[in-house]
Amino acid sequence: MHPDVQEIRWQIQAKAKKWEEAICVAREITQRTPELPFGWIHLAYSLHELRRTQEAYGTLKPISERFPEEWLMGYNMACYACQLGNQDEARHWLELAYKRGDKSEIRKMARVDPDLAPLRARFGEI
């Protein structure tokens, strides 16, 4: 199946909050097109939504260097590290996301993201 079709399939599962099904679609994306970052991002996000944050973190960390321009990967790694109690590492990942993407827009997201609440509590402005 074409990656764009797979992307839509994942979006449908995510909107329906069918995270187990979303994991299956995302795994299929990563197997068919491992060179595309969105499959990895979707797989990790689906795991995180099922409170399998350690698995989400473990999914993205080893492949994060393969996508040096992908800001969302850094942002999600910040969220996962923060939820796992690693605020210093979370701050590092968030700084990478700022460098890779639109810092203003990412900062707006980070200010309200519940996953980053511990980071805001520790460092204030992020």
PDB file of N, CA and C in Angstrom:
ATOM      1  N   MET A   1       0.838  -1.193   0.000  1.00  0.00           N
ATOM      2  CA  MET A   1       0.000   0.000   0.000  1.00  0.00           C
ATOM      3  C   MET A   1       0.874   1.245   0.000  1.00  0.00           C
ATOM      4  N   HIS A   2       0.382   2.253  -0.611  1.00  0.00           N
ATOM      5  CA  HIS A   2       1.104   3.519  -0.709  1.00  0.00           C
ATOM      6  C   HIS A   2       1.224   4.155   0.684  1.00  0.00           C
ATOM      7  N   PRO A   3       2.379   4.775   0.986  1.00  0.00           N
ATOM      8  CA  PRO A   3       2.555   5.394   2.310  1.00  0.00           C
ATOM      9  C   PRO A   3       1.489   6.440   2.655  1.00  0.00           C
ATOM     10  N   ASP A   4       1.004   7.162   1.653  1.00  0.00           N
ATOM     11  CA  ASP A   4      -0.044   8.161   1.920  1.00  0.00           C
ATOM     12  C   ASP A   4      -1.337   7.489   2.385  1.00  0.00           C
ATOM     13  N   VAL A   5      -1.646   6.344   1.820  1.00  0.00           N
ATOM     14  CA  VAL A   5      -2.836   5.593   2.235  1.00  0.00           C
ATOM     15  C   VAL A   5      -2.649   5.082   3.661  1.00  0.00           C
ATOM     16  N   GLN A   6      -1.466   4.572   3.942  1.00  0.00           N
ATOM     17  CA  GLN A   6      -1.169   4.091   5.286  1.00  0.00           C
ATOM     18  C   GLN A   6      -1.266   5.236   6.306  1.00  0.00           C
ATOM     19  N   GLU A   7      -0.779   6.396   5.923  1.00  0.00           N
ATOM     20  CA  GLU A   7      -0.865   7.570   6.800  1.00  0.00           C
ATOM     21  C   GLU A   7      -2.319   7.870   7.140  1.00  0.00           C
ATOM     22  N   ILE A   8      -3.176   7.847   6.147  1.00  0.00           N
ATOM     23  CA  ILE A   8      -4.607   8.113   6.374  1.00  0.00           C
ATOM     24  C   ILE A   8      -5.212   7.029   7.258  1.00  0.00           C
ATOM     25  N   ARG A   9      -4.837   5.777   7.014  1.00  0.00           N
ATOM     26  CA  ARG A   9      -5.334   4.683   7.863  1.00  0.00           C
ATOM     27  C   ARG A   9      -4.946   4.920   9.319  1.00  0.00           C
ATOM     28  N   TRP A  10      -3.692   5.352   9.551  1.00  0.00           N
ATOM     29  CA  TRP A  10      -3.258   5.610  10.921  1.00  0.00           C
ATOM     30  C   TRP A  10      -4.052   6.771  11.518  1.00  0.00           C
ATOM     31  N   GLN A  11      -4.244   7.825  10.741  1.00  0.00           N
ATOM     32  CA  GLN A  11      -5.002   8.989  11.233  1.00  0.00           C
ATOM     33  C   GLN A  11      -6.420   8.594  11.645  1.00  0.00           C
ATOM     34  N   ILE A  12      -7.049   7.740  10.879  1.00  0.00           N
ATOM     35  CA  ILE A  12      -8.399   7.279  11.211  1.00  0.00           C
ATOM     36  C   ILE A  12      -8.390   6.541  12.547  1.00  0.00           C
ATOM     37  N   GLN A  13      -7.440   5.631  12.729  1.00  0.00           N
ATOM     38  CA  GLN A  13      -7.354   4.874  13.982  1.00  0.00           C
ATOM     39  C   GLN A  13      -7.057   5.809  15.161  1.00  0.00           C
ATOM     40  N   ALA A  14      -6.176   6.766  14.939  1.00  0.00           N
ATOM     41  CA  ALA A  14      -5.823   7.701  16.011  1.00  0.00           C
ATOM     42  C   ALA A  14      -7.027   8.564  16.403  1.00  0.00           C
ATOM     43  N   LYS A  15      -7.746   9.070  15.416  1.00  0.00           N
ATOM     44  CA  LYS A  15      -8.921   9.892  15.733  1.00  0.00           C
ATOM     45  C   LYS A  15      -9.970   9.096  16.497  1.00  0.00           C
ATOM     46  N   ALA A  16     -10.059   7.811  16.190  1.00  0.00           N
ATOM     47  CA  ALA A  16     -11.008   6.934  16.894  1.00  0.00           C
ATOM     48  C   ALA A  16     -10.425   6.430  18.217  1.00  0.00           C
ATOM     49  N   LYS A  17      -9.191   6.802  18.501  1.00  0.00           N
ATOM     50  CA  LYS A  17      -8.483   6.367  19.710  1.00  0.00           C
ATOM     51  C   LYS A  17      -8.397   4.839  19.797  1.00  0.00           C
ATOM     52  N   LYS A  18      -8.246   4.231  18.658  1.00  0.00           N
ATOM     53  CA  LYS A  18      -8.043   2.782  18.575  1.00  0.00           C
ATOM     54  C   LYS A  18      -6.533   2.547  18.474  1.00  0.00           C
ATOM     55  N   TRP A  19      -5.888   2.652  19.616  1.00  0.00           N
ATOM     56  CA  TRP A  19      -4.430   2.689  19.633  1.00  0.00           C
ATOM     57  C   TRP A  19      -3.786   1.354  19.289  1.00  0.00           C
ATOM     58  N   GLU A  20      -4.385   0.247  19.640  1.00  0.00           N
ATOM     59  CA  GLU A  20      -3.821  -1.056  19.251  1.00  0.00           C
ATOM     60  C   GLU A  20      -3.823  -1.193  17.730  1.00  0.00           C
ATOM     61  N   GLU A  21      -4.932  -0.805  17.105  1.00  0.00           N
ATOM     62  CA  GLU A  21      -5.005  -0.843  15.648  1.00  0.00           C
ATOM     63  C   GLU A  21      -4.033   0.142  15.029  1.00  0.00           C
ATOM     64  N   ALA A  22      -3.895   1.305  15.660  1.00  0.00           N
ATOM     65  CA  ALA A  22      -2.953   2.312  15.174  1.00  0.00           C
ATOM     66  C   ALA A  22      -1.517   1.781  15.217  1.00  0.00           C
ATOM     67  N   ILE A  23      -1.206   1.020  16.260  1.00  0.00           N
ATOM     68  CA  ILE A  23       0.124   0.407  16.360  1.00  0.00           C
ATOM     69  C   ILE A  23       0.352  -0.536  15.177  1.00  0.00           C
ATOM     70  N   CYS A  24      -0.630  -1.330  14.856  1.00  0.00           N
ATOM     71  CA  CYS A  24      -0.494  -2.273  13.734  1.00  0.00           C
ATOM     72  C   CYS A  24      -0.233  -1.533  12.427  1.00  0.00           C
ATOM     73  N   VAL A  25      -0.978  -0.476  12.183  1.00  0.00           N
ATOM     74  CA  VAL A  25      -0.786   0.308  10.958  1.00  0.00           C
ATOM     75  C   VAL A  25       0.601   0.949  10.962  1.00  0.00           C
ATOM     76  N   ALA A  26       0.987   1.533  12.074  1.00  0.00           N
ATOM     77  CA  ALA A  26       2.288   2.194  12.157  1.00  0.00           C
ATOM     78  C   ALA A  26       3.429   1.191  11.972  1.00  0.00           C
ATOM     79  N   ARG A  27       3.298   0.012  12.544  1.00  0.00           N
ATOM     80  CA  ARG A  27       4.337  -1.019  12.351  1.00  0.00           C
ATOM     81  C   ARG A  27       4.453  -1.401  10.879  1.00  0.00           C
ATOM     82  N   GLU A  28       3.318  -1.491  10.235  1.00  0.00           N
ATOM     83  CA  GLU A  28       3.326  -1.813   8.810  1.00  0.00           C
ATOM     84  C   GLU A  28       4.046  -0.713   8.023  1.00  0.00           C
ATOM     85  N   ILE A  29       3.814   0.529   8.388  1.00  0.00           N
ATOM     86  CA  ILE A  29       4.485   1.647   7.723  1.00  0.00           C
ATOM     87  C   ILE A  29       5.996   1.536   7.921  1.00  0.00           C
ATOM     88  N   THR A  30       6.420   1.272   9.158  1.00  0.00           N
ATOM     89  CA  THR A  30       7.862   1.204   9.420  1.00  0.00           C
ATOM     90  C   THR A  30       8.507   0.028   8.694  1.00  0.00           C
ATOM     91  N   GLN A  31       7.770  -1.044   8.499  1.00  0.00           N
ATOM     92  CA  GLN A  31       8.321  -2.196   7.782  1.00  0.00           C
ATOM     93  C   GLN A  31       8.405  -1.949   6.280  1.00  0.00           C
ATOM     94  N   ARG A  32       7.395  -1.307   5.735  1.00  0.00           N
ATOM     95  CA  ARG A  32       7.359  -1.070   4.288  1.00  0.00           C
ATOM     96  C   ARG A  32       8.231   0.116   3.866  1.00  0.00           C
ATOM     97  N   THR A  33       8.249   1.153   4.697  1.00  0.00           N
ATOM     98  CA  THR A  33       9.000   2.365   4.345  1.00  0.00           C
ATOM     99  C   THR A  33       9.771   2.874   5.569  1.00  0.00           C
ATOM    100  N   PRO A  34      10.801   2.136   5.991  1.00  0.00           N
ATOM    101  CA  PRO A  34      11.550   2.547   7.187  1.00  0.00           C
ATOM    102  C   PRO A  34      12.304   3.866   7.013  1.00  0.00           C
ATOM    103  N   GLU A  35      12.435   4.311   5.782  1.00  0.00           N
ATOM    104  CA  GLU A  35      13.136   5.562   5.521  1.00  0.00           C
ATOM    105  C   GLU A  35      12.265   6.803   5.759  1.00  0.00           C
ATOM    106  N   LEU A  36      10.980   6.595   6.026  1.00  0.00           N
ATOM    107  CA  LEU A  36      10.072   7.714   6.297  1.00  0.00           C
ATOM    108  C   LEU A  36       9.884   7.872   7.806  1.00  0.00           C
ATOM    109  N   PRO A  37      10.046   9.073   8.318  1.00  0.00           N
ATOM    110  CA  PRO A  37       9.951   9.257   9.776  1.00  0.00           C
ATOM    111  C   PRO A  37       8.555   9.094  10.350  1.00  0.00           C
ATOM    112  N   PHE A  38       7.505   9.363   9.569  1.00  0.00           N
ATOM    113  CA  PHE A  38       6.177   9.388  10.179  1.00  0.00           C
ATOM    114  C   PHE A  38       5.718   8.040  10.706  1.00  0.00           C
ATOM    115  N   GLY A  39       6.156   6.952  10.118  1.00  0.00           N
ATOM    116  CA  GLY A  39       5.775   5.643  10.648  1.00  0.00           C
ATOM    117  C   GLY A  39       6.319   5.425  12.047  1.00  0.00           C
ATOM    118  N   TRP A  40       7.576   5.797  12.235  1.00  0.00           N
ATOM    119  CA  TRP A  40       8.221   5.661  13.550  1.00  0.00           C
ATOM    120  C   TRP A  40       7.564   6.580  14.578  1.00  0.00           C
ATOM    121  N   ILE A  41       7.293   7.799  14.155  1.00  0.00           N
ATOM    122  CA  ILE A  41       6.650   8.774  15.057  1.00  0.00           C
ATOM    123  C   ILE A  41       5.266   8.267  15.465  1.00  0.00           C
ATOM    124  N   HIS A  42       4.500   7.769  14.495  1.00  0.00           N
ATOM    125  CA  HIS A  42       3.152   7.269  14.791  1.00  0.00           C
ATOM    126  C   HIS A  42       3.194   6.035  15.683  1.00  0.00           C
ATOM    127  N   LEU A  43       4.145   5.156  15.444  1.00  0.00           N
ATOM    128  CA  LEU A  43       4.268   3.959  16.271  1.00  0.00           C
ATOM    129  C   LEU A  43       4.544   4.349  17.720  1.00  0.00           C
ATOM    130  N   ALA A  44       5.518   5.217  17.922  1.00  0.00           N
ATOM    131  CA  ALA A  44       5.856   5.646  19.281  1.00  0.00           C
ATOM    132  C   ALA A  44       4.684   6.366  19.941  1.00  0.00           C
ATOM    133  N   TYR A  45       4.021   7.239  19.201  1.00  0.00           N
ATOM    134  CA  TYR A  45       2.897   7.990  19.770  1.00  0.00           C
ATOM    135  C   TYR A  45       1.763   7.045  20.187  1.00  0.00           C
ATOM    136  N   SER A  46       1.490   6.046  19.358  1.00  0.00           N
ATOM    137  CA  SER A  46       0.438   5.079  19.688  1.00  0.00           C
ATOM    138  C   SER A  46       0.785   4.317  20.963  1.00  0.00           C
ATOM    139  N   LEU A  47       2.033   3.918  21.075  1.00  0.00           N
ATOM    140  CA  LEU A  47       2.479   3.234  22.295  1.00  0.00           C
ATOM    141  C   LEU A  47       2.317   4.140  23.515  1.00  0.00           C
ATOM    142  N   HIS A  48       2.709   5.385  23.368  1.00  0.00           N
ATOM    143  CA  HIS A  48       2.595   6.348  24.469  1.00  0.00           C
ATOM    144  C   HIS A  48       1.135   6.535  24.892  1.00  0.00           C
ATOM    145  N   GLU A  49       0.240   6.586  23.926  1.00  0.00           N
ATOM    146  CA  GLU A  49      -1.179   6.756  24.240  1.00  0.00           C
ATOM    147  C   GLU A  49      -1.725   5.567  25.028  1.00  0.00           C
ATOM    148  N   LEU A  50      -1.090   4.424  24.885  1.00  0.00           N
ATOM    149  CA  LEU A  50      -1.480   3.242  25.655  1.00  0.00           C
ATOM    150  C   LEU A  50      -0.695   3.143  26.962  1.00  0.00           C
ATOM    151  N   ARG A  51      -0.036   4.223  27.334  1.00  0.00           N
ATOM    152  CA  ARG A  51       0.772   4.292  28.558  1.00  0.00           C
ATOM    153  C   ARG A  51       1.964   3.329  28.507  1.00  0.00           C
ATOM    154  N   ARG A  52       2.442   3.088  27.319  1.00  0.00           N
ATOM    155  CA  ARG A  52       3.633   2.268  27.109  1.00  0.00           C
ATOM    156  C   ARG A  52       4.779   3.199  26.693  1.00  0.00           C
ATOM    157  N   THR A  53       4.979   4.212  27.528  1.00  0.00           N
ATOM    158  CA  THR A  53       5.908   5.292  27.212  1.00  0.00           C
ATOM    159  C   THR A  53       7.348   4.804  27.113  1.00  0.00           C
ATOM    160  N   GLN A  54       7.736   3.856  27.946  1.00  0.00           N
ATOM    161  CA  GLN A  54       9.097   3.330  27.843  1.00  0.00           C
ATOM    162  C   GLN A  54       9.318   2.686  26.469  1.00  0.00           C
ATOM    163  N   GLU A  55       8.312   1.988  25.969  1.00  0.00           N
ATOM    164  CA  GLU A  55       8.411   1.402  24.628  1.00  0.00           C
ATOM    165  C   GLU A  55       8.454   2.490  23.557  1.00  0.00           C
ATOM    166  N   ALA A  56       7.658   3.535  23.744  1.00  0.00           N
ATOM    167  CA  ALA A  56       7.658   4.650  22.791  1.00  0.00           C
ATOM    168  C   ALA A  56       9.051   5.273  22.720  1.00  0.00           C
ATOM    169  N   TYR A  57       9.611   5.510  23.878  1.00  0.00           N
ATOM    170  CA  TYR A  57      10.961   6.068  23.968  1.00  0.00           C
ATOM    171  C   TYR A  57      11.963   5.137  23.288  1.00  0.00           C
ATOM    172  N   GLY A  58      11.869   3.857  23.581  1.00  0.00           N
ATOM    173  CA  GLY A  58      12.772   2.875  23.004  1.00  0.00           C
ATOM    174  C   GLY A  58      12.607   2.707  21.500  1.00  0.00           C
ATOM    175  N   THR A  59      11.455   3.043  20.989  1.00  0.00           N
ATOM    176  CA  THR A  59      11.209   2.983  19.547  1.00  0.00           C
ATOM    177  C   THR A  59      11.912   4.120  18.821  1.00  0.00           C
ATOM    178  N   LEU A  60      11.827   5.319  19.371  1.00  0.00           N
ATOM    179  CA  LEU A  60      12.382   6.484  18.676  1.00  0.00           C
ATOM    180  C   LEU A  60      13.870   6.708  18.914  1.00  0.00           C
ATOM    181  N   LYS A  61      14.331   6.462  20.111  1.00  0.00           N
ATOM    182  CA  LYS A  61      15.726   6.814  20.431  1.00  0.00           C
ATOM    183  C   LYS A  61      16.734   6.203  19.457  1.00  0.00           C
ATOM    184  N   PRO A  62      16.673   4.904  19.167  1.00  0.00           N
ATOM    185  CA  PRO A  62      17.703   4.329  18.302  1.00  0.00           C
ATOM    186  C   PRO A  62      17.682   4.839  16.856  1.00  0.00           C
ATOM    187  N   ILE A  63      16.551   5.352  16.396  1.00  0.00           N
ATOM    188  CA  ILE A  63      16.478   5.791  15.007  1.00  0.00           C
ATOM    189  C   ILE A  63      16.451   7.315  14.861  1.00  0.00           C
ATOM    190  N   SER A  64      16.500   8.031  15.976  1.00  0.00           N
ATOM    191  CA  SER A  64      16.367   9.493  15.919  1.00  0.00           C
ATOM    192  C   SER A  64      17.475  10.153  15.097  1.00  0.00           C
ATOM    193  N   GLU A  65      18.663   9.590  15.099  1.00  0.00           N
ATOM    194  CA  GLU A  65      19.763  10.184  14.330  1.00  0.00           C
ATOM    195  C   GLU A  65      19.573  10.012  12.825  1.00  0.00           C
ATOM    196  N   ARG A  66      18.742   9.084  12.429  1.00  0.00           N
ATOM    197  CA  ARG A  66      18.474   8.888  10.997  1.00  0.00           C
ATOM    198  C   ARG A  66      17.645  10.019  10.401  1.00  0.00           C
ATOM    199  N   PHE A  67      17.013  10.808  11.261  1.00  0.00           N
ATOM    200  CA  PHE A  67      16.126  11.878  10.803  1.00  0.00           C
ATOM    201  C   PHE A  67      16.512  13.203  11.468  1.00  0.00           C
ATOM    202  N   PRO A  68      17.685  13.732  11.145  1.00  0.00           N
ATOM    203  CA  PRO A  68      18.190  14.911  11.857  1.00  0.00           C
ATOM    204  C   PRO A  68      17.387  16.194  11.645  1.00  0.00           C
ATOM    205  N   GLU A  69      16.530  16.223  10.651  1.00  0.00           N
ATOM    206  CA  GLU A  69      15.733  17.425  10.393  1.00  0.00           C
ATOM    207  C   GLU A  69      14.316  17.334  10.949  1.00  0.00           C
ATOM    208  N   GLU A  70      13.957  16.226  11.523  1.00  0.00           N
ATOM    209  CA  GLU A  70      12.580  15.973  11.949  1.00  0.00           C
ATOM    210  C   GLU A  70      12.333  16.533  13.350  1.00  0.00           C
ATOM    211  N   TRP A  71      11.709  17.701  13.426  1.00  0.00           N
ATOM    212  CA  TRP A  71      11.488  18.352  14.720  1.00  0.00           C
ATOM    213  C   TRP A  71      10.512  17.573  15.603  1.00  0.00           C
ATOM    214  N   LEU A  72       9.495  16.955  14.996  1.00  0.00           N
ATOM    215  CA  LEU A  72       8.476  16.282  15.800  1.00  0.00           C
ATOM    216  C   LEU A  72       9.052  15.080  16.545  1.00  0.00           C
ATOM    217  N   MET A  73      10.040  14.446  15.961  1.00  0.00           N
ATOM    218  CA  MET A  73      10.675  13.330  16.644  1.00  0.00           C
ATOM    219  C   MET A  73      11.359  13.826  17.924  1.00  0.00           C
ATOM    220  N   GLY A  74      12.080  14.935  17.824  1.00  0.00           N
ATOM    221  CA  GLY A  74      12.712  15.523  19.002  1.00  0.00           C
ATOM    222  C   GLY A  74      11.692  15.964  20.040  1.00  0.00           C
ATOM    223  N   TYR A  75      10.617  16.561  19.567  1.00  0.00           N
ATOM    224  CA  TYR A  75       9.568  17.020  20.479  1.00  0.00           C
ATOM    225  C   TYR A  75       8.952  15.836  21.227  1.00  0.00           C
ATOM    226  N   ASN A  76       8.617  14.776  20.490  1.00  0.00           N
ATOM    227  CA  ASN A  76       8.022  13.612  21.144  1.00  0.00           C
ATOM    228  C   ASN A  76       9.007  12.944  22.096  1.00  0.00           C
ATOM    229  N   MET A  77      10.286  12.908  21.717  1.00  0.00           N
ATOM    230  CA  MET A  77      11.290  12.362  22.631  1.00  0.00           C
ATOM    231  C   MET A  77      11.341  13.183  23.916  1.00  0.00           C
ATOM    232  N   ALA A  78      11.184  14.486  23.812  1.00  0.00           N
ATOM    233  CA  ALA A  78      11.138  15.340  25.002  1.00  0.00           C
ATOM    234  C   ALA A  78       9.957  14.947  25.883  1.00  0.00           C
ATOM    235  N   CYS A  79       8.815  14.733  25.268  1.00  0.00           N
ATOM    236  CA  CYS A  79       7.620  14.332  26.026  1.00  0.00           C
ATOM    237  C   CYS A  79       7.829  12.992  26.722  1.00  0.00           C
ATOM    238  N   TYR A  80       8.381  12.036  25.994  1.00  0.00           N
ATOM    239  CA  TYR A  80       8.564  10.703  26.569  1.00  0.00           C
ATOM    240  C   TYR A  80       9.599  10.735  27.688  1.00  0.00           C
ATOM    241  N   ALA A  81      10.718  11.417  27.459  1.00  0.00           N
ATOM    242  CA  ALA A  81      11.744  11.515  28.500  1.00  0.00           C
ATOM    243  C   ALA A  81      11.180  12.194  29.740  1.00  0.00           C
ATOM    244  N   CYS A  82      10.401  13.235  29.536  1.00  0.00           N
ATOM    245  CA  CYS A  82       9.806  13.960  30.659  1.00  0.00           C
ATOM    246  C   CYS A  82       8.877  13.043  31.449  1.00  0.00           C
ATOM    247  N   GLN A  83       8.037  12.300  30.763  1.00  0.00           N
ATOM    248  CA  GLN A  83       7.110  11.396  31.442  1.00  0.00           C
ATOM    249  C   GLN A  83       7.823  10.251  32.147  1.00  0.00           C
ATOM    250  N   LEU A  84       9.017   9.946  31.689  1.00  0.00           N
ATOM    251  CA  LEU A  84       9.807   8.890  32.334  1.00  0.00           C
ATOM    252  C   LEU A  84      10.672   9.439  33.467  1.00  0.00           C
ATOM    253  N   GLY A  85      10.527  10.750  33.753  1.00  0.00           N
ATOM    254  CA  GLY A  85      11.234  11.354  34.872  1.00  0.00           C
ATOM    255  C   GLY A  85      12.618  11.888  34.546  1.00  0.00           C
ATOM    256  N   ASN A  86      12.940  12.012  33.269  1.00  0.00           N
ATOM    257  CA  ASN A  86      14.259  12.491  32.847  1.00  0.00           C
ATOM    258  C   ASN A  86      14.157  13.916  32.304  1.00  0.00           C
ATOM    259  N   GLN A  87      13.956  14.880  33.201  1.00  0.00           N
ATOM    260  CA  GLN A  87      13.742  16.250  32.765  1.00  0.00           C
ATOM    261  C   GLN A  87      14.951  16.864  32.059  1.00  0.00           C
ATOM    262  N   ASP A  88      16.163  16.537  32.505  1.00  0.00           N
ATOM    263  CA  ASP A  88      17.339  17.088  31.820  1.00  0.00           C
ATOM    264  C   ASP A  88      17.402  16.595  30.381  1.00  0.00           C
ATOM    265  N   GLU A  89      17.164  15.321  30.184  1.00  0.00           N
ATOM    266  CA  GLU A  89      17.158  14.781  28.829  1.00  0.00           C
ATOM    267  C   GLU A  89      15.991  15.371  28.022  1.00  0.00           C
ATOM    268  N   ALA A  90      14.858  15.521  28.670  1.00  0.00           N
ATOM    269  CA  ALA A  90      13.696  16.108  27.992  1.00  0.00           C
ATOM    270  C   ALA A  90      14.018  17.510  27.498  1.00  0.00           C
ATOM    271  N   ARG A  91      14.691  18.266  28.322  1.00  0.00           N
ATOM    272  CA  ARG A  91      15.063  19.633  27.918  1.00  0.00           C
ATOM    273  C   ARG A  91      16.001  19.598  26.709  1.00  0.00           C
ATOM    274  N   HIS A  92      16.930  18.663  26.705  1.00  0.00           N
ATOM    275  CA  HIS A  92      17.840  18.504  25.565  1.00  0.00           C
ATOM    276  C   HIS A  92      17.055  18.230  24.278  1.00  0.00           C
ATOM    277  N   TRP A  93      16.109  17.289  24.337  1.00  0.00           N
ATOM    278  CA  TRP A  93      15.319  16.948  23.158  1.00  0.00           C
ATOM    279  C   TRP A  93      14.462  18.124  22.703  1.00  0.00           C
ATOM    280  N   LEU A  94      13.932  18.856  23.654  1.00  0.00           N
ATOM    281  CA  LEU A  94      13.111  20.016  23.287  1.00  0.00           C
ATOM    282  C   LEU A  94      13.956  21.077  22.597  1.00  0.00           C
ATOM    283  N   GLU A  95      15.168  21.284  23.078  1.00  0.00           N
ATOM    284  CA  GLU A  95      16.077  22.237  22.425  1.00  0.00           C
ATOM    285  C   GLU A  95      16.374  21.792  20.989  1.00  0.00           C
ATOM    286  N   LEU A  96      16.561  20.497  20.784  1.00  0.00           N
ATOM    287  CA  LEU A  96      16.773  19.986  19.419  1.00  0.00           C
ATOM    288  C   LEU A  96      15.552  20.260  18.544  1.00  0.00           C
ATOM    289  N   ALA A  97      14.373  20.046  19.096  1.00  0.00           N
ATOM    290  CA  ALA A  97      13.145  20.309  18.335  1.00  0.00           C
ATOM    291  C   ALA A  97      13.082  21.786  17.943  1.00  0.00           C
ATOM    292  N   TYR A  98      13.428  22.675  18.872  1.00  0.00           N
ATOM    293  CA  TYR A  98      13.433  24.111  18.568  1.00  0.00           C
ATOM    294  C   TYR A  98      14.377  24.431  17.417  1.00  0.00           C
ATOM    295  N   LYS A  99      15.536  23.791  17.394  1.00  0.00           N
ATOM    296  CA  LYS A  99      16.523  24.035  16.333  1.00  0.00           C
ATOM    297  C   LYS A  99      16.058  23.495  14.987  1.00  0.00           C
ATOM    298  N   ARG A 100      15.283  22.434  15.011  1.00  0.00           N
ATOM    299  CA  ARG A 100      14.880  21.764  13.784  1.00  0.00           C
ATOM    300  C   ARG A 100      13.606  22.339  13.160  1.00  0.00           C
ATOM    301  N   GLY A 101      12.774  22.954  13.978  1.00  0.00           N
ATOM    302  CA  GLY A 101      11.476  23.424  13.487  1.00  0.00           C
ATOM    303  C   GLY A 101      11.248  24.886  13.784  1.00  0.00           C
ATOM    304  N   ASP A 102      10.003  25.278  13.725  1.00  0.00           N
ATOM    305  CA  ASP A 102       9.583  26.649  14.011  1.00  0.00           C
ATOM    306  C   ASP A 102       9.518  26.819  15.532  1.00  0.00           C
ATOM    307  N   LYS A 103      10.549  27.442  16.086  1.00  0.00           N
ATOM    308  CA  LYS A 103      10.669  27.548  17.542  1.00  0.00           C
ATOM    309  C   LYS A 103       9.445  28.182  18.176  1.00  0.00           C
ATOM    310  N   SER A 104       8.906  29.195  17.560  1.00  0.00           N
ATOM    311  CA  SER A 104       7.736  29.879  18.113  1.00  0.00           C
ATOM    312  C   SER A 104       6.531  28.941  18.210  1.00  0.00           C
ATOM    313  N   GLU A 105       6.263  28.204  17.153  1.00  0.00           N
ATOM    314  CA  GLU A 105       5.131  27.279  17.147  1.00  0.00           C
ATOM    315  C   GLU A 105       5.341  26.113  18.118  1.00  0.00           C
ATOM    316  N   ILE A 106       6.556  25.596  18.148  1.00  0.00           N
ATOM    317  CA  ILE A 106       6.851  24.477  19.043  1.00  0.00           C
ATOM    318  C   ILE A 106       6.740  24.934  20.495  1.00  0.00           C
ATOM    319  N   ARG A 107       7.212  26.126  20.774  1.00  0.00           N
ATOM    320  CA  ARG A 107       7.126  26.665  22.132  1.00  0.00           C
ATOM    321  C   ARG A 107       5.660  26.812  22.564  1.00  0.00           C
ATOM    322  N   LYS A 108       4.794  27.227  21.653  1.00  0.00           N
ATOM    323  CA  LYS A 108       3.359  27.332  21.969  1.00  0.00           C
ATOM    324  C   LYS A 108       2.808  25.963  22.373  1.00  0.00           C
ATOM    325  N   MET A 109       3.195  24.939  21.626  1.00  0.00           N
ATOM    326  CA  MET A 109       2.741  23.583  21.951  1.00  0.00           C
ATOM    327  C   MET A 109       3.269  23.155  23.316  1.00  0.00           C
ATOM    328  N   ALA A 110       4.547  23.398  23.542  1.00  0.00           N
ATOM    329  CA  ALA A 110       5.204  22.954  24.777  1.00  0.00           C
ATOM    330  C   ALA A 110       4.611  23.631  26.015  1.00  0.00           C
ATOM    331  N   ARG A 111       4.138  24.841  25.867  1.00  0.00           N
ATOM    332  CA  ARG A 111       3.574  25.583  27.009  1.00  0.00           C
ATOM    333  C   ARG A 111       2.289  24.972  27.541  1.00  0.00           C
ATOM    334  N   VAL A 112       1.597  24.197  26.709  1.00  0.00           N
ATOM    335  CA  VAL A 112       0.314  23.632  27.137  1.00  0.00           C
ATOM    336  C   VAL A 112       0.281  22.112  27.122  1.00  0.00           C
ATOM    337  N   ASP A 113       1.331  21.490  26.655  1.00  0.00           N
ATOM    338  CA  ASP A 113       1.363  20.031  26.546  1.00  0.00           C
ATOM    339  C   ASP A 113       1.441  19.410  27.940  1.00  0.00           C
ATOM    340  N   PRO A 114       0.442  18.602  28.322  1.00  0.00           N
ATOM    341  CA  PRO A 114       0.464  17.996  29.659  1.00  0.00           C
ATOM    342  C   PRO A 114       1.655  17.067  29.878  1.00  0.00           C
ATOM    343  N   ASP A 115       2.181  16.477  28.810  1.00  0.00           N
ATOM    344  CA  ASP A 115       3.343  15.605  28.953  1.00  0.00           C
ATOM    345  C   ASP A 115       4.583  16.365  29.407  1.00  0.00           C
ATOM    346  N   LEU A 116       4.616  17.655  29.149  1.00  0.00           N
ATOM    347  CA  LEU A 116       5.784  18.467  29.512  1.00  0.00           C
ATOM    348  C   LEU A 116       5.585  19.252  30.809  1.00  0.00           C
ATOM    349  N   ALA A 117       4.466  19.017  31.509  1.00  0.00           N
ATOM    350  CA  ALA A 117       4.196  19.732  32.764  1.00  0.00           C
ATOM    351  C   ALA A 117       5.332  19.594  33.777  1.00  0.00           C
ATOM    352  N   PRO A 118       5.916  18.402  33.973  1.00  0.00           N
ATOM    353  CA  PRO A 118       7.032  18.300  34.922  1.00  0.00           C
ATOM    354  C   PRO A 118       8.240  19.153  34.509  1.00  0.00           C
ATOM    355  N   LEU A 119       8.444  19.292  33.223  1.00  0.00           N
ATOM    356  CA  LEU A 119       9.551  20.106  32.726  1.00  0.00           C
ATOM    357  C   LEU A 119       9.292  21.584  33.015  1.00  0.00           C
ATOM    358  N   ARG A 120       8.062  22.016  32.791  1.00  0.00           N
ATOM    359  CA  ARG A 120       7.709  23.409  33.086  1.00  0.00           C
ATOM    360  C   ARG A 120       7.818  23.672  34.587  1.00  0.00           C
ATOM    361  N   ALA A 121       7.415  22.706  35.403  1.00  0.00           N
ATOM    362  CA  ALA A 121       7.492  22.864  36.868  1.00  0.00           C
ATOM    363  C   ALA A 121       8.940  23.011  37.322  1.00  0.00           C
ATOM    364  N   ARG A 122       9.831  22.291  36.694  1.00  0.00           N
ATOM    365  CA  ARG A 122      11.235  22.334  37.099  1.00  0.00           C
ATOM    366  C   ARG A 122      11.969  23.548  36.558  1.00  0.00           C
ATOM    367  N   PHE A 123      11.756  23.870  35.286  1.00  0.00           N
ATOM    368  CA  PHE A 123      12.546  24.911  34.640  1.00  0.00           C
ATOM    369  C   PHE A 123      11.780  26.201  34.382  1.00  0.00           C
ATOM    370  N   GLY A 124      10.483  26.201  34.611  1.00  0.00           N
ATOM    371  CA  GLY A 124       9.694  27.392  34.314  1.00  0.00           C
ATOM    372  C   GLY A 124       9.462  27.492  32.819  1.00  0.00           C
ATOM    373  N   GLU A 125       9.872  28.581  32.233  1.00  0.00           N
ATOM    374  CA  GLU A 125       9.711  28.819  30.802  1.00  0.00           C
ATOM    375  C   GLU A 125      10.509  27.796  30.001  1.00  0.00           C
ATOM    376  N   ILE A 126       9.824  27.112  29.107  1.00  0.00           N
ATOM    377  CA  ILE A 126      10.544  26.142  28.262  1.00  0.00           C
ATOM    378  C   ILE A 126      10.393  26.501  26.796  1.00  0.00           C
TER     379      ILE A 126
END
